Amino acid sequence: MIIPVRCFSCGKPIGHLWEDFVSKTNNRTQKVKETLDDLGVERYCCRAMFMGQVDLMDTVSAFKKF
């Protein structure tokens, strides 16, 4: 739902890179591989965290809270 602060496998901090990643890849202005290379995400476990992330905040916030 929300990108974790650190990678689950290696522990590298990646949470601060999420907004840059989304802004560059949402409008298809840059490819995912190029974006991750520019952000300095080199490890395959960290790359998987970005590519496997689904942003569900808008969907979850639509439900009523008790």
N, C-alpha and C. Protein backbone atom coordinates (compact mmCIF):
# COMPACT_ATOMS: atom_id res chain seq x y z
N MET A 1 0.83 -1.19 0.00
CA MET A 1 0.00 0.00 0.00
C MET A 1 0.87 1.25 0.00
N ILE A 2 1.77 1.36 0.95
CA ILE A 2 2.71 2.48 1.02
C ILE A 2 4.11 1.89 0.89
N ILE A 3 4.95 2.55 0.14
CA ILE A 3 6.32 2.04 -0.05
C ILE A 3 7.01 1.99 1.31
N PRO A 4 7.69 0.89 1.62
CA PRO A 4 8.39 0.81 2.90
C PRO A 4 9.59 1.76 2.94
N VAL A 5 9.98 2.13 4.12
CA VAL A 5 11.11 3.04 4.29
C VAL A 5 12.41 2.36 3.87
N ARG A 6 12.53 1.09 4.19
CA ARG A 6 13.74 0.33 3.84
C ARG A 6 13.37 -0.90 3.04
N CYS A 7 14.32 -1.37 2.25
CA CYS A 7 14.13 -2.60 1.48
C CYS A 7 14.04 -3.77 2.46
N PHE A 8 13.12 -4.68 2.20
CA PHE A 8 12.93 -5.82 3.09
C PHE A 8 14.14 -6.75 3.09
N SER A 9 14.82 -6.88 1.97
CA SER A 9 15.92 -7.84 1.86
C SER A 9 17.25 -7.30 2.36
N CYS A 10 17.64 -6.13 1.88
CA CYS A 10 18.98 -5.63 2.20
C CYS A 10 19.00 -4.51 3.24
N GLY A 11 17.87 -3.85 3.46
CA GLY A 11 17.82 -2.80 4.46
C GLY A 11 18.21 -1.41 3.97
N LYS A 12 18.43 -1.26 2.68
CA LYS A 12 18.81 0.05 2.13
C LYS A 12 17.60 0.99 2.18
N PRO A 13 17.78 2.24 2.61
CA PRO A 13 16.67 3.20 2.62
C PRO A 13 16.21 3.52 1.20
N ILE A 14 14.91 3.31 0.92
CA ILE A 14 14.38 3.57 -0.42
C ILE A 14 13.11 4.40 -0.39
N GLY A 15 12.54 4.63 0.75
CA GLY A 15 11.26 5.34 0.85
C GLY A 15 11.31 6.76 0.33
N HIS A 16 12.43 7.43 0.47
CA HIS A 16 12.54 8.82 0.05
C HIS A 16 12.60 8.96 -1.47
N LEU A 17 12.79 7.88 -2.19
CA LEU A 17 12.89 7.93 -3.65
C LEU A 17 11.56 7.70 -4.35
N TRP A 18 10.53 7.33 -3.61
CA TRP A 18 9.26 6.94 -4.21
C TRP A 18 8.60 8.06 -5.00
N GLU A 19 8.53 9.25 -4.46
CA GLU A 19 7.83 10.34 -5.16
C GLU A 19 8.54 10.73 -6.45
N ASP A 20 9.87 10.72 -6.46
CA ASP A 20 10.60 10.99 -7.70
C ASP A 20 10.33 9.89 -8.73
N PHE A 21 10.29 8.65 -8.27
CA PHE A 21 10.02 7.53 -9.17
C PHE A 21 8.64 7.65 -9.80
N VAL A 22 7.64 7.97 -8.99
CA VAL A 22 6.27 8.08 -9.50
C VAL A 22 6.14 9.25 -10.46
N SER A 23 6.73 10.38 -10.13
CA SER A 23 6.60 11.55 -10.99
C SER A 23 7.25 11.34 -12.36
N LYS A 24 8.34 10.58 -12.40
CA LYS A 24 9.01 10.36 -13.68
C LYS A 24 8.37 9.26 -14.51
N THR A 25 7.74 8.28 -13.86
CA THR A 25 7.19 7.15 -14.61
C THR A 25 5.69 7.25 -14.85
N ASN A 26 4.97 8.08 -14.13
CA ASN A 26 3.51 8.16 -14.33
C ASN A 26 3.14 8.67 -15.71
N ASN A 27 3.78 9.70 -16.16
CA ASN A 27 3.44 10.30 -17.45
C ASN A 27 4.19 9.64 -18.61
N ARG A 28 4.86 8.54 -18.33
CA ARG A 28 5.64 7.82 -19.35
C ARG A 28 6.72 8.70 -19.97
N THR A 29 7.23 9.65 -19.18
CA THR A 29 8.28 10.52 -19.69
C THR A 29 9.63 9.80 -19.71
N GLN A 30 9.76 8.80 -18.84
CA GLN A 30 11.02 8.08 -18.76
C GLN A 30 10.73 6.61 -18.46
N LYS A 31 11.55 5.72 -18.98
CA LYS A 31 11.37 4.29 -18.74
C LYS A 31 11.74 3.96 -17.30
N VAL A 32 11.17 2.87 -16.79
CA VAL A 32 11.40 2.47 -15.41
C VAL A 32 12.88 2.17 -15.18
N LYS A 33 13.50 1.44 -16.09
CA LYS A 33 14.92 1.11 -15.93
C LYS A 33 15.77 2.36 -15.84
N GLU A 34 15.53 3.31 -16.73
CA GLU A 34 16.32 4.56 -16.72
C GLU A 34 16.07 5.35 -15.44
N THR A 35 14.83 5.37 -14.98
CA THR A 35 14.50 6.09 -13.76
C THR A 35 15.21 5.49 -12.56
N LEU A 36 15.18 4.17 -12.43
CA LEU A 36 15.85 3.52 -11.31
C LEU A 36 17.36 3.71 -11.37
N ASP A 37 17.92 3.70 -12.58
CA ASP A 37 19.35 3.97 -12.72
C ASP A 37 19.69 5.40 -12.29
N ASP A 38 18.86 6.36 -12.69
CA ASP A 38 19.08 7.76 -12.31
C ASP A 38 18.97 7.98 -10.81
N LEU A 39 18.06 7.25 -10.16
CA LEU A 39 17.87 7.39 -8.71
C LEU A 39 18.94 6.66 -7.90
N GLY A 40 19.73 5.82 -8.56
CA GLY A 40 20.80 5.11 -7.86
C GLY A 40 20.37 3.81 -7.24
N VAL A 41 19.25 3.26 -7.69
CA VAL A 41 18.77 1.97 -7.17
C VAL A 41 19.39 0.89 -8.04
N GLU A 42 20.39 0.18 -7.49
CA GLU A 42 21.14 -0.79 -8.28
C GLU A 42 20.82 -2.23 -7.93
N ARG A 43 20.48 -2.49 -6.69
CA ARG A 43 20.25 -3.88 -6.27
C ARG A 43 18.91 -4.39 -6.78
N TYR A 44 18.89 -5.65 -7.18
CA TYR A 44 17.67 -6.21 -7.74
C TYR A 44 16.54 -6.30 -6.72
N CYS A 45 16.88 -6.45 -5.44
CA CYS A 45 15.83 -6.53 -4.42
C CYS A 45 15.15 -5.16 -4.25
N CYS A 46 15.92 -4.10 -4.32
CA CYS A 46 15.36 -2.75 -4.20
C CYS A 46 14.55 -2.40 -5.44
N ARG A 47 15.03 -2.80 -6.61
CA ARG A 47 14.29 -2.56 -7.85
C ARG A 47 12.96 -3.29 -7.82
N ALA A 48 12.94 -4.48 -7.27
CA ALA A 48 11.70 -5.25 -7.17
C ALA A 48 10.70 -4.56 -6.25
N MET A 49 11.19 -3.89 -5.21
CA MET A 49 10.30 -3.17 -4.31
C MET A 49 9.57 -2.05 -5.06
N PHE A 50 10.27 -1.36 -5.94
CA PHE A 50 9.66 -0.28 -6.71
C PHE A 50 8.72 -0.81 -7.78
N MET A 51 9.15 -1.83 -8.50
CA MET A 51 8.34 -2.33 -9.60
C MET A 51 7.12 -3.12 -9.12
N GLY A 52 7.20 -3.70 -7.93
CA GLY A 52 6.09 -4.47 -7.41
C GLY A 52 5.11 -3.66 -6.58
N GLN A 53 5.39 -2.40 -6.37
CA GLN A 53 4.56 -1.55 -5.53
C GLN A 53 3.32 -1.08 -6.28
N VAL A 54 2.16 -1.20 -5.64
CA VAL A 54 0.90 -0.70 -6.20
C VAL A 54 0.38 0.36 -5.25
N ASP A 55 0.15 1.56 -5.75
CA ASP A 55 -0.30 2.66 -4.91
C ASP A 55 -1.81 2.57 -4.72
N LEU A 56 -2.24 2.16 -3.53
CA LEU A 56 -3.65 1.97 -3.23
C LEU A 56 -4.21 3.01 -2.27
N MET A 57 -3.49 4.08 -2.03
CA MET A 57 -3.94 5.06 -1.06
C MET A 57 -5.28 5.69 -1.45
N ASP A 58 -5.49 6.00 -2.72
CA ASP A 58 -6.76 6.58 -3.16
C ASP A 58 -7.90 5.59 -2.98
N THR A 59 -7.66 4.33 -3.27
CA THR A 59 -8.69 3.30 -3.13
C THR A 59 -9.05 3.09 -1.67
N VAL A 60 -8.07 3.00 -0.81
CA VAL A 60 -8.31 2.73 0.60
C VAL A 60 -8.97 3.93 1.28
N SER A 61 -8.59 5.13 0.88
CA SER A 61 -9.16 6.32 1.52
C SER A 61 -10.62 6.54 1.16
N ALA A 62 -11.12 5.86 0.15
CA ALA A 62 -12.53 6.02 -0.23
C ALA A 62 -13.48 5.29 0.72
N PHE A 63 -12.96 4.33 1.48
CA PHE A 63 -13.81 3.56 2.38
C PHE A 63 -14.07 4.33 3.67
N LYS A 64 -15.23 4.09 4.23
CA LYS A 64 -15.62 4.77 5.47
C LYS A 64 -14.83 4.21 6.65
N LYS A 65 -14.42 5.11 7.52
CA LYS A 65 -13.69 4.70 8.71
C LYS A 65 -14.67 4.61 9.88
N PHE A 66 -14.45 3.65 10.74
CA PHE A 66 -15.33 3.48 11.89
C PHE A 66 -14.73 4.09 13.13
